[in-house]
Amino acid sequence: ADSVKGRFTISRDNAKSTVDLQMNSLK
C-alpha cells in the first residue's frame, strides 16, 4: 500500500516457514 511503502517489508522466512512483515518508522 502507498501508505507503507519504504517503511514496511514483507518477506518469506524459509528457516521458520513463516511470512513476516517488518514494520519500521511506525506512525
PDB file of all heavy atoms in Angstrom:
ATOM      1  N   ALA A   1       0.842  -1.180   0.000  1.00  0.00           N
ATOM      2  CA  ALA A   1       0.000   0.000   0.000  1.00  0.00           C
ATOM      3  C   ALA A   1       0.884   1.239   0.000  1.00  0.00           C
ATOM      4  O   ALA A   1       1.975   1.239   0.578  1.00  0.00           O
ATOM      5  CB  ALA A   1      -0.913   0.007   1.220  1.00  0.00           C
ATOM      6  N   ASP A   2       0.413   2.296  -0.651  1.00  0.00           N
ATOM      7  CA  ASP A   2       1.204   3.518  -0.721  1.00  0.00           C
ATOM      8  C   ASP A   2       1.561   4.049   0.665  1.00  0.00           C
ATOM      9  O   ASP A   2       2.638   4.628   0.859  1.00  0.00           O
ATOM     10  CB  ASP A   2       0.452   4.595  -1.500  1.00  0.00           C
ATOM     11  CG  ASP A   2       0.386   4.305  -2.990  1.00  0.00           C
ATOM     12  OD1 ASP A   2       1.204   3.511  -3.481  1.00  0.00           O
ATOM     13  OD2 ASP A   2      -0.490   4.881  -3.660  1.00  0.00           O
ATOM     14  N   SER A   3       0.685   3.846   1.618  1.00  0.00           N
ATOM     15  CA  SER A   3       0.887   4.387   2.949  1.00  0.00           C
ATOM     16  C   SER A   3       2.050   3.745   3.698  1.00  0.00           C
ATOM     17  O   SER A   3       2.533   4.309   4.684  1.00  0.00           O
ATOM     18  CB  SER A   3      -0.394   4.249   3.776  1.00  0.00           C
ATOM     19  OG  SER A   3      -0.788   2.894   3.881  1.00  0.00           O
ATOM     20  N   VAL A   4       2.496   2.579   3.248  1.00  0.00           N
ATOM     21  CA  VAL A   4       3.567   1.880   3.965  1.00  0.00           C
ATOM     22  C   VAL A   4       4.816   1.677   3.125  1.00  0.00           C
ATOM     23  O   VAL A   4       5.815   1.155   3.642  1.00  0.00           O
ATOM     24  CB  VAL A   4       3.090   0.515   4.508  1.00  0.00           C
ATOM     25  CG1 VAL A   4       1.833   0.683   5.349  1.00  0.00           C
ATOM     26  CG2 VAL A   4       2.854  -0.479   3.376  1.00  0.00           C
ATOM     27  N   LYS A   5       4.793   2.086   1.868  1.00  0.00           N
ATOM     28  CA  LYS A   5       5.959   1.914   1.008  1.00  0.00           C
ATOM     29  C   LYS A   5       7.175   2.613   1.594  1.00  0.00           C
ATOM     30  O   LYS A   5       7.098   3.751   2.044  1.00  0.00           O
ATOM     31  CB  LYS A   5       5.672   2.454  -0.393  1.00  0.00           C
ATOM     32  CG  LYS A   5       4.774   1.568  -1.227  1.00  0.00           C
ATOM     33  CD  LYS A   5       4.560   2.145  -2.621  1.00  0.00           C
ATOM     34  CE  LYS A   5       3.680   1.244  -3.457  1.00  0.00           C
ATOM     35  NZ  LYS A   5       3.409   1.823  -4.795  1.00  0.00           N
ATOM     36  N   GLY A   6       8.283   1.905   1.582  1.00  0.00           N
ATOM     37  CA  GLY A   6       9.514   2.442   2.128  1.00  0.00           C
ATOM     38  C   GLY A   6       9.681   2.216   3.606  1.00  0.00           C
ATOM     39  O   GLY A   6      10.777   2.432   4.143  1.00  0.00           O
ATOM     40  N   ARG A   7       8.622   1.791   4.274  1.00  0.00           N
ATOM     41  CA  ARG A   7       8.683   1.554   5.719  1.00  0.00           C
ATOM     42  C   ARG A   7       8.466   0.091   6.087  1.00  0.00           C
ATOM     43  O   ARG A   7       9.065  -0.401   7.044  1.00  0.00           O
ATOM     44  CB  ARG A   7       7.641   2.406   6.441  1.00  0.00           C
ATOM     45  CG  ARG A   7       7.823   3.911   6.237  1.00  0.00           C
ATOM     46  CD  ARG A   7       6.884   4.715   7.132  1.00  0.00           C
ATOM     47  NE  ARG A   7       5.481   4.440   6.842  1.00  0.00           N
ATOM     48  CZ  ARG A   7       4.620   3.926   7.713  1.00  0.00           C
ATOM     49  NH1 ARG A   7       5.026   3.630   8.952  1.00  0.00           N
ATOM     50  NH2 ARG A   7       3.358   3.729   7.370  1.00  0.00           N
ATOM     51  N   PHE A   8       7.603  -0.590   5.347  1.00  0.00           N
ATOM     52  CA  PHE A   8       7.273  -1.989   5.633  1.00  0.00           C
ATOM     53  C   PHE A   8       7.897  -2.893   4.583  1.00  0.00           C
ATOM     54  O   PHE A   8       8.012  -2.524   3.410  1.00  0.00           O
ATOM     55  CB  PHE A   8       5.761  -2.216   5.621  1.00  0.00           C
ATOM     56  CG  PHE A   8       5.008  -1.585   6.760  1.00  0.00           C
ATOM     57  CD1 PHE A   8       5.599  -0.673   7.611  1.00  0.00           C
ATOM     58  CD2 PHE A   8       3.675  -1.925   6.965  1.00  0.00           C
ATOM     59  CE1 PHE A   8       4.894  -0.095   8.652  1.00  0.00           C
ATOM     60  CE2 PHE A   8       2.955  -1.358   8.001  1.00  0.00           C
ATOM     61  CZ  PHE A   8       3.561  -0.440   8.847  1.00  0.00           C
ATOM     62  N   THR A   9       8.262  -4.094   5.000  1.00  0.00           N
ATOM     63  CA  THR A   9       8.793  -5.093   4.088  1.00  0.00           C
ATOM     64  C   THR A   9       8.157  -6.439   4.384  1.00  0.00           C
ATOM     65  O   THR A   9       8.200  -6.908   5.523  1.00  0.00           O
ATOM     66  CB  THR A   9      10.320  -5.215   4.207  1.00  0.00           C
ATOM     67  OG1 THR A   9      10.940  -3.955   3.954  1.00  0.00           O
ATOM     68  CG2 THR A   9      10.846  -6.235   3.194  1.00  0.00           C
ATOM     69  N   ILE A  10       7.568  -7.048   3.375  1.00  0.00           N
ATOM     70  CA  ILE A  10       7.022  -8.383   3.516  1.00  0.00           C
ATOM     71  C   ILE A  10       8.032  -9.373   2.952  1.00  0.00           C
ATOM     72  O   ILE A  10       8.657  -9.121   1.919  1.00  0.00           O
ATOM     73  CB  ILE A  10       5.646  -8.518   2.821  1.00  0.00           C
ATOM     74  CG1 ILE A  10       4.995  -9.865   3.156  1.00  0.00           C
ATOM     75  CG2 ILE A  10       5.756  -8.312   1.318  1.00  0.00           C
ATOM     76  CD1 ILE A  10       3.534  -9.964   2.706  1.00  0.00           C
ATOM     77  N   SER A  11       8.209 -10.486   3.633  1.00  0.00           N
ATOM     78  CA  SER A  11       9.202 -11.451   3.210  1.00  0.00           C
ATOM     79  C   SER A  11       8.827 -12.844   3.687  1.00  0.00           C
ATOM     80  O   SER A  11       7.984 -13.014   4.569  1.00  0.00           O
ATOM     81  CB  SER A  11      10.594 -11.078   3.726  1.00  0.00           C
ATOM     82  OG  SER A  11      10.624 -11.091   5.142  1.00  0.00           O
ATOM     83  N   ARG A  12       9.455 -13.808   3.090  1.00  0.00           N
ATOM     84  CA  ARG A  12       9.266 -15.197   3.489  1.00  0.00           C
ATOM     85  C   ARG A  12      10.512 -15.667   4.219  1.00  0.00           C
ATOM     86  O   ARG A  12      11.630 -15.514   3.727  1.00  0.00           O
ATOM     87  CB  ARG A  12       8.984 -16.044   2.245  1.00  0.00           C
ATOM     88  CG  ARG A  12       8.502 -17.433   2.526  1.00  0.00           C
ATOM     89  CD  ARG A  12       7.666 -17.977   1.357  1.00  0.00           C
ATOM     90  NE  ARG A  12       8.224 -17.627   0.067  1.00  0.00           N
ATOM     91  CZ  ARG A  12       7.528 -17.058  -0.901  1.00  0.00           C
ATOM     92  NH1 ARG A  12       6.237 -16.774  -0.732  1.00  0.00           N
ATOM     93  NH2 ARG A  12       8.108 -16.772  -2.049  1.00  0.00           N
ATOM     94  N   ASP A  13      10.320 -16.222   5.397  1.00  0.00           N
ATOM     95  CA  ASP A  13      11.418 -16.756   6.186  1.00  0.00           C
ATOM     96  C   ASP A  13      11.415 -18.264   5.997  1.00  0.00           C
ATOM     97  O   ASP A  13      10.622 -18.979   6.613  1.00  0.00           O
ATOM     98  CB  ASP A  13      11.256 -16.389   7.659  1.00  0.00           C
ATOM     99  CG  ASP A  13      12.467 -16.755   8.492  1.00  0.00           C
ATOM    100  OD1 ASP A  13      13.136 -17.756   8.192  1.00  0.00           O
ATOM    101  OD2 ASP A  13      12.749 -16.028   9.468  1.00  0.00           O
ATOM    102  N   ASN A  14      12.287 -18.745   5.151  1.00  0.00           N
ATOM    103  CA  ASN A  14      12.302 -20.168   4.827  1.00  0.00           C
ATOM    104  C   ASN A  14      12.700 -21.038   6.024  1.00  0.00           C
ATOM    105  O   ASN A  14      12.212 -22.157   6.169  1.00  0.00           O
ATOM    106  CB  ASN A  14      13.244 -20.433   3.659  1.00  0.00           C
ATOM    107  CG  ASN A  14      12.743 -19.844   2.360  1.00  0.00           C
ATOM    108  OD1 ASN A  14      11.543 -19.814   2.100  1.00  0.00           O
ATOM    109  ND2 ASN A  14      13.663 -19.378   1.521  1.00  0.00           N
ATOM    110  N   ALA A  15      13.584 -20.532   6.869  1.00  0.00           N
ATOM    111  CA  ALA A  15      14.031 -21.298   8.021  1.00  0.00           C
ATOM    112  C   ALA A  15      12.899 -21.540   9.006  1.00  0.00           C
ATOM    113  O   ALA A  15      12.814 -22.617   9.611  1.00  0.00           O
ATOM    114  CB  ALA A  15      15.196 -20.592   8.709  1.00  0.00           C
ATOM    115  N   LYS A  16      12.036 -20.560   9.167  1.00  0.00           N
ATOM    116  CA  LYS A  16      10.929 -20.658  10.123  1.00  0.00           C
ATOM    117  C   LYS A  16       9.603 -21.011   9.461  1.00  0.00           C
ATOM    118  O   LYS A  16       8.600 -21.217  10.148  1.00  0.00           O
ATOM    119  CB  LYS A  16      10.779 -19.343  10.884  1.00  0.00           C
ATOM    120  CG  LYS A  16      11.973 -18.978  11.739  1.00  0.00           C
ATOM    121  CD  LYS A  16      11.864 -17.577  12.292  1.00  0.00           C
ATOM    122  CE  LYS A  16      10.634 -17.392  13.151  1.00  0.00           C
ATOM    123  NZ  LYS A  16      10.572 -16.022  13.729  1.00  0.00           N
ATOM    124  N   SER A  17       9.583 -21.043   8.152  1.00  0.00           N
ATOM    125  CA  SER A  17       8.365 -21.317   7.381  1.00  0.00           C
ATOM    126  C   SER A  17       7.254 -20.333   7.726  1.00  0.00           C
ATOM    127  O   SER A  17       6.103 -20.724   7.958  1.00  0.00           O
ATOM    128  CB  SER A  17       7.902 -22.759   7.600  1.00  0.00           C
ATOM    129  OG  SER A  17       8.875 -23.678   7.151  1.00  0.00           O
ATOM    130  N   THR A  18       7.613 -19.075   7.753  1.00  0.00           N
ATOM    131  CA  THR A  18       6.645 -18.027   8.025  1.00  0.00           C
ATOM    132  C   THR A  18       6.733 -16.935   6.970  1.00  0.00           C
ATOM    133  O   THR A  18       7.715 -16.843   6.231  1.00  0.00           O
ATOM    134  CB  THR A  18       6.873 -17.376   9.403  1.00  0.00           C
ATOM    135  OG1 THR A  18       8.165 -16.760   9.434  1.00  0.00           O
ATOM    136  CG2 THR A  18       6.765 -18.403  10.519  1.00  0.00           C
ATOM    137  N   VAL A  19       5.704 -16.137   6.896  1.00  0.00           N
ATOM    138  CA  VAL A  19       5.727 -14.900   6.131  1.00  0.00           C
ATOM    139  C   VAL A  19       5.708 -13.762   7.136  1.00  0.00           C
ATOM    140  O   VAL A  19       4.823 -13.698   7.992  1.00  0.00           O
ATOM    141  CB  VAL A  19       4.553 -14.800   5.151  1.00  0.00           C
ATOM    142  CG1 VAL A  19       4.499 -13.405   4.521  1.00  0.00           C
ATOM    143  CG2 VAL A  19       4.694 -15.848   4.058  1.00  0.00           C
ATOM    144  N   ASP A  20       6.679 -12.884   7.027  1.00  0.00           N
ATOM    145  CA  ASP A  20       6.860 -11.841   8.015  1.00  0.00           C
ATOM    146  C   ASP A  20       6.585 -10.466   7.430  1.00  0.00           C
ATOM    147  O   ASP A  20       6.678 -10.244   6.225  1.00  0.00           O
ATOM    148  CB  ASP A  20       8.287 -11.874   8.560  1.00  0.00           C
ATOM    149  CG  ASP A  20       8.640 -13.189   9.220  1.00  0.00           C
ATOM    150  OD1 ASP A  20       7.721 -13.923   9.641  1.00  0.00           O
ATOM    151  OD2 ASP A  20       9.848 -13.484   9.313  1.00  0.00           O
ATOM    152  N   LEU A  21       6.247  -9.557   8.302  1.00  0.00           N
ATOM    153  CA  LEU A  21       6.072  -8.162   7.932  1.00  0.00           C
ATOM    154  C   LEU A  21       6.930  -7.323   8.862  1.00  0.00           C
ATOM    155  O   LEU A  21       6.621  -7.186  10.052  1.00  0.00           O
ATOM    156  CB  LEU A  21       4.606  -7.742   8.028  1.00  0.00           C
ATOM    157  CG  LEU A  21       4.296  -6.316   7.572  1.00  0.00           C
ATOM    158  CD1 LEU A  21       4.468  -6.200   6.053  1.00  0.00           C
ATOM    159  CD2 LEU A  21       2.879  -5.913   7.972  1.00  0.00           C
ATOM    160  N   GLN A  22       8.021  -6.807   8.327  1.00  0.00           N
ATOM    161  CA  GLN A  22       8.889  -5.923   9.082  1.00  0.00           C
ATOM    162  C   GLN A  22       8.356  -4.511   8.955  1.00  0.00           C
ATOM    163  O   GLN A  22       8.225  -3.989   7.850  1.00  0.00           O
ATOM    164  CB  GLN A  22      10.325  -5.998   8.569  1.00  0.00           C
ATOM    165  CG  GLN A  22      11.297  -5.065   9.271  1.00  0.00           C
ATOM    166  CD  GLN A  22      11.517  -5.439  10.716  1.00  0.00           C
ATOM    167  OE1 GLN A  22      11.700  -6.609  11.035  1.00  0.00           O
ATOM    168  NE2 GLN A  22      11.482  -4.450  11.600  1.00  0.00           N
ATOM    169  N   MET A  23       8.051  -3.893  10.076  1.00  0.00           N
ATOM    170  CA  MET A  23       7.466  -2.568  10.100  1.00  0.00           C
ATOM    171  C   MET A  23       8.431  -1.615  10.790  1.00  0.00           C
ATOM    172  O   MET A  23       8.704  -1.759  11.982  1.00  0.00           O
ATOM    173  CB  MET A  23       6.116  -2.573  10.815  1.00  0.00           C
ATOM    174  CG  MET A  23       5.126  -3.590  10.249  1.00  0.00           C
ATOM    175  SD  MET A  23       3.497  -3.496  11.029  1.00  0.00           S
ATOM    176  CE  MET A  23       3.928  -3.988  12.699  1.00  0.00           C
ATOM    177  N   ASN A  24       8.938  -0.663  10.026  1.00  0.00           N
ATOM    178  CA  ASN A  24       9.866   0.329  10.544  1.00  0.00           C
ATOM    179  C   ASN A  24       9.234   1.714  10.488  1.00  0.00           C
ATOM    180  O   ASN A  24       8.259   1.942   9.783  1.00  0.00           O
ATOM    181  CB  ASN A  24      11.167   0.323   9.742  1.00  0.00           C
ATOM    182  CG  ASN A  24      11.910  -0.984   9.818  1.00  0.00           C
ATOM    183  OD1 ASN A  24      11.890  -1.666  10.840  1.00  0.00           O
ATOM    184  ND2 ASN A  24      12.585  -1.345   8.731  1.00  0.00           N
ATOM    185  N   SER A  25       9.832   2.631  11.217  1.00  0.00           N
ATOM    186  CA  SER A  25       9.356   4.018  11.237  1.00  0.00           C
ATOM    187  C   SER A  25       7.856   4.093  11.464  1.00  0.00           C
ATOM    188  O   SER A  25       7.123   4.790  10.754  1.00  0.00           O
ATOM    189  CB  SER A  25       9.740   4.726   9.932  1.00  0.00           C
ATOM    190  OG  SER A  25      11.139   4.706   9.731  1.00  0.00           O
ATOM    191  N   LEU A  26       7.400   3.374  12.453  1.00  0.00           N
ATOM    192  CA  LEU A  26       5.969   3.278  12.702  1.00  0.00           C
ATOM    193  C   LEU A  26       5.371   4.619  13.102  1.00  0.00           C
ATOM    194  O   LEU A  26       6.004   5.421  13.793  1.00  0.00           O
ATOM    195  CB  LEU A  26       5.692   2.239  13.775  1.00  0.00           C
ATOM    196  CG  LEU A  26       5.792   0.788  13.289  1.00  0.00           C
ATOM    197  CD1 LEU A  26       5.938  -0.163  14.457  1.00  0.00           C
ATOM    198  CD2 LEU A  26       4.572   0.428  12.452  1.00  0.00           C
ATOM    199  N   LYS A  27       4.153   4.821  12.646  1.00  0.00           N
ATOM    200  CA  LYS A  27       3.407   6.037  12.906  1.00  0.00           C
ATOM    201  C   LYS A  27       2.130   5.698  13.666  1.00  0.00           C
ATOM    202  O   LYS A  27       1.632   4.580  13.573  1.00  0.00           O
ATOM    203  CB  LYS A  27       3.038   6.731  11.590  1.00  0.00           C
ATOM    204  CG  LYS A  27       4.211   7.036  10.682  1.00  0.00           C
ATOM    205  CD  LYS A  27       3.733   7.588   9.349  1.00  0.00           C
ATOM    206  CE  LYS A  27       4.889   7.881   8.425  1.00  0.00           C
ATOM    207  NZ  LYS A  27       4.423   8.410   7.107  1.00  0.00           N
TER     208      LYS A  27
END
